[in-house]
Structures are given as structure tokens and as C-alpha cells.
Amino acid sequence: MIHIEGLSPKRHIIADALWECETEREVQMLFEVFPVSEVLLVKEMLVAAALDQITDTDLAEDYLSRF
């Protein structure tokens, strides 16, 4: 699991829930329960934290090149 420091309790719950999601439907349910902006923000924070853990720079470059 990825640990992001400084999350509010609500964002921590969202992050834990996103991490546990296995289907698109589970993710969609989070958008129904929490504000969309909060879920999107936490998702981006999780992606950034995951990218920080990648030591294979070619993989990171490939992912980032899409943006």
C-alpha cells in the first residue's frame, strides 16, 4: 500500500477505498459517495506516489509520455 502523508481523514478514507477497488464499478461508486473533485484529487495523489516508487525510469517515461 502507498502511504501519503498529510491527508485529511476523509481523503485517507478515499485513498484506502481507491486502493482496494478492483472494478470500474467500484470506482464509480466512490464518485457517488464522495465529491468528484475529492476522488480525482486523491487519485492523482496516488498516481504520483506510485510513480515516485518506480525505479525503472523507462517505465516512468512511457507512462508520463502519454500526458
C-alpha atoms as a PDB file:
ATOM      1  CA  MET A   1       0.000   0.000   0.000  1.00  0.00           C
ATOM      2  CA  ILE A   2       1.121   3.540  -0.667  1.00  0.00           C
ATOM      3  CA  HIS A   3       1.287   5.992   2.225  1.00  0.00           C
ATOM      4  CA  ILE A   4       0.586   9.672   1.554  1.00  0.00           C
ATOM      5  CA  GLU A   5       1.327  11.985   4.449  1.00  0.00           C
ATOM      6  CA  GLY A   6      -0.905  14.872   5.407  1.00  0.00           C
ATOM      7  CA  LEU A   7      -4.224  13.538   4.113  1.00  0.00           C
ATOM      8  CA  SER A   8      -7.348  14.621   5.907  1.00  0.00           C
ATOM      9  CA  PRO A   9      -9.352  11.784   7.456  1.00  0.00           C
ATOM     10  CA  LYS A  10     -11.849  11.985   4.569  1.00  0.00           C
ATOM     11  CA  ARG A  11      -9.114  11.840   1.915  1.00  0.00           C
ATOM     12  CA  HIS A  12      -7.481   8.959   3.767  1.00  0.00           C
ATOM     13  CA  ILE A  13     -10.750   7.008   3.539  1.00  0.00           C
ATOM     14  CA  ILE A  14     -10.986   7.800  -0.172  1.00  0.00           C
ATOM     15  CA  ALA A  15      -7.374   6.742  -0.763  1.00  0.00           C
ATOM     16  CA  ASP A  16      -7.888   3.446   1.061  1.00  0.00           C
ATOM     17  CA  ALA A  17     -11.094   2.790  -0.859  1.00  0.00           C
ATOM     18  CA  LEU A  18      -9.490   3.614  -4.225  1.00  0.00           C
ATOM     19  CA  TRP A  19      -6.556   1.352  -3.446  1.00  0.00           C
ATOM     20  CA  GLU A  20      -8.911  -1.537  -2.742  1.00  0.00           C
ATOM     21  CA  CYS A  21     -11.071  -1.057  -5.859  1.00  0.00           C
ATOM     22  CA  GLU A  22     -10.868  -3.941  -8.291  1.00  0.00           C
ATOM     23  CA  THR A  23     -13.507  -2.933 -10.837  1.00  0.00           C
ATOM     24  CA  GLU A  24     -14.587   0.208 -12.627  1.00  0.00           C
ATOM     25  CA  ARG A  25     -17.990  -0.107 -10.934  1.00  0.00           C
ATOM     26  CA  GLU A  26     -16.331   0.088  -7.513  1.00  0.00           C
ATOM     27  CA  VAL A  27     -14.578   3.280  -8.560  1.00  0.00           C
ATOM     28  CA  GLN A  28     -17.832   4.727  -9.913  1.00  0.00           C
ATOM     29  CA  MET A  29     -19.484   4.045  -6.560  1.00  0.00           C
ATOM     30  CA  LEU A  30     -16.868   6.241  -4.878  1.00  0.00           C
ATOM     31  CA  PHE A  31     -17.902   9.097  -7.177  1.00  0.00           C
ATOM     32  CA  GLU A  32     -21.473   8.574  -5.981  1.00  0.00           C
ATOM     33  CA  VAL A  33     -20.475   8.704  -2.318  1.00  0.00           C
ATOM     34  CA  PHE A  34     -17.766  11.399  -2.264  1.00  0.00           C
ATOM     35  CA  PRO A  35     -17.379  14.692  -4.119  1.00  0.00           C
ATOM     36  CA  VAL A  36     -15.932  14.085  -7.584  1.00  0.00           C
ATOM     37  CA  SER A  37     -13.205  16.679  -7.063  1.00  0.00           C
ATOM     38  CA  GLU A  38     -12.024  14.916  -3.890  1.00  0.00           C
ATOM     39  CA  VAL A  39     -11.874  11.487  -5.542  1.00  0.00           C
ATOM     40  CA  LEU A  40      -9.999  12.876  -8.565  1.00  0.00           C
ATOM     41  CA  LEU A  41      -7.521  14.726  -6.354  1.00  0.00           C
ATOM     42  CA  VAL A  42      -6.791  11.651  -4.257  1.00  0.00           C
ATOM     43  CA  LYS A  43      -6.475   9.525  -7.411  1.00  0.00           C
ATOM     44  CA  GLU A  44      -3.847  11.906  -8.777  1.00  0.00           C
ATOM     45  CA  MET A  45      -2.020  11.835  -5.456  1.00  0.00           C
ATOM     46  CA  LEU A  46      -1.992   8.015  -5.540  1.00  0.00           C
ATOM     47  CA  VAL A  47      -0.681   8.005  -9.108  1.00  0.00           C
ATOM     48  CA  ALA A  48       2.052  10.494  -8.205  1.00  0.00           C
ATOM     49  CA  ALA A  49       3.042   8.474  -5.136  1.00  0.00           C
ATOM     50  CA  ALA A  50       3.138   5.269  -7.185  1.00  0.00           C
ATOM     51  CA  LEU A  51       5.287   6.917  -9.849  1.00  0.00           C
ATOM     52  CA  ASP A  52       7.681   8.076  -7.138  1.00  0.00           C
ATOM     53  CA  GLN A  53       8.273   4.436  -6.239  1.00  0.00           C
ATOM     54  CA  ILE A  54       9.192   3.371  -9.781  1.00  0.00           C
ATOM     55  CA  THR A  55      12.905   2.827 -10.165  1.00  0.00           C
ATOM     56  CA  ASP A  56      12.618   1.753 -13.811  1.00  0.00           C
ATOM     57  CA  THR A  57      12.894   5.148 -15.498  1.00  0.00           C
ATOM     58  CA  ASP A  58      11.900   3.753 -18.901  1.00  0.00           C
ATOM     59  CA  LEU A  59       8.571   2.626 -17.462  1.00  0.00           C
ATOM     60  CA  ALA A  60       8.010   6.009 -15.825  1.00  0.00           C
ATOM     61  CA  GLU A  61       8.917   7.840 -19.042  1.00  0.00           C
ATOM     62  CA  ASP A  62       6.500   5.675 -21.023  1.00  0.00           C
ATOM     63  CA  TYR A  63       3.687   6.464 -18.610  1.00  0.00           C
ATOM     64  CA  LEU A  64       4.412  10.187 -18.480  1.00  0.00           C
ATOM     65  CA  SER A  65       4.767  10.493 -22.246  1.00  0.00           C
ATOM     66  CA  ARG A  66       1.007   9.981 -22.551  1.00  0.00           C
ATOM     67  CA  PHE A  67       0.484  13.371 -20.949  1.00  0.00           C
END
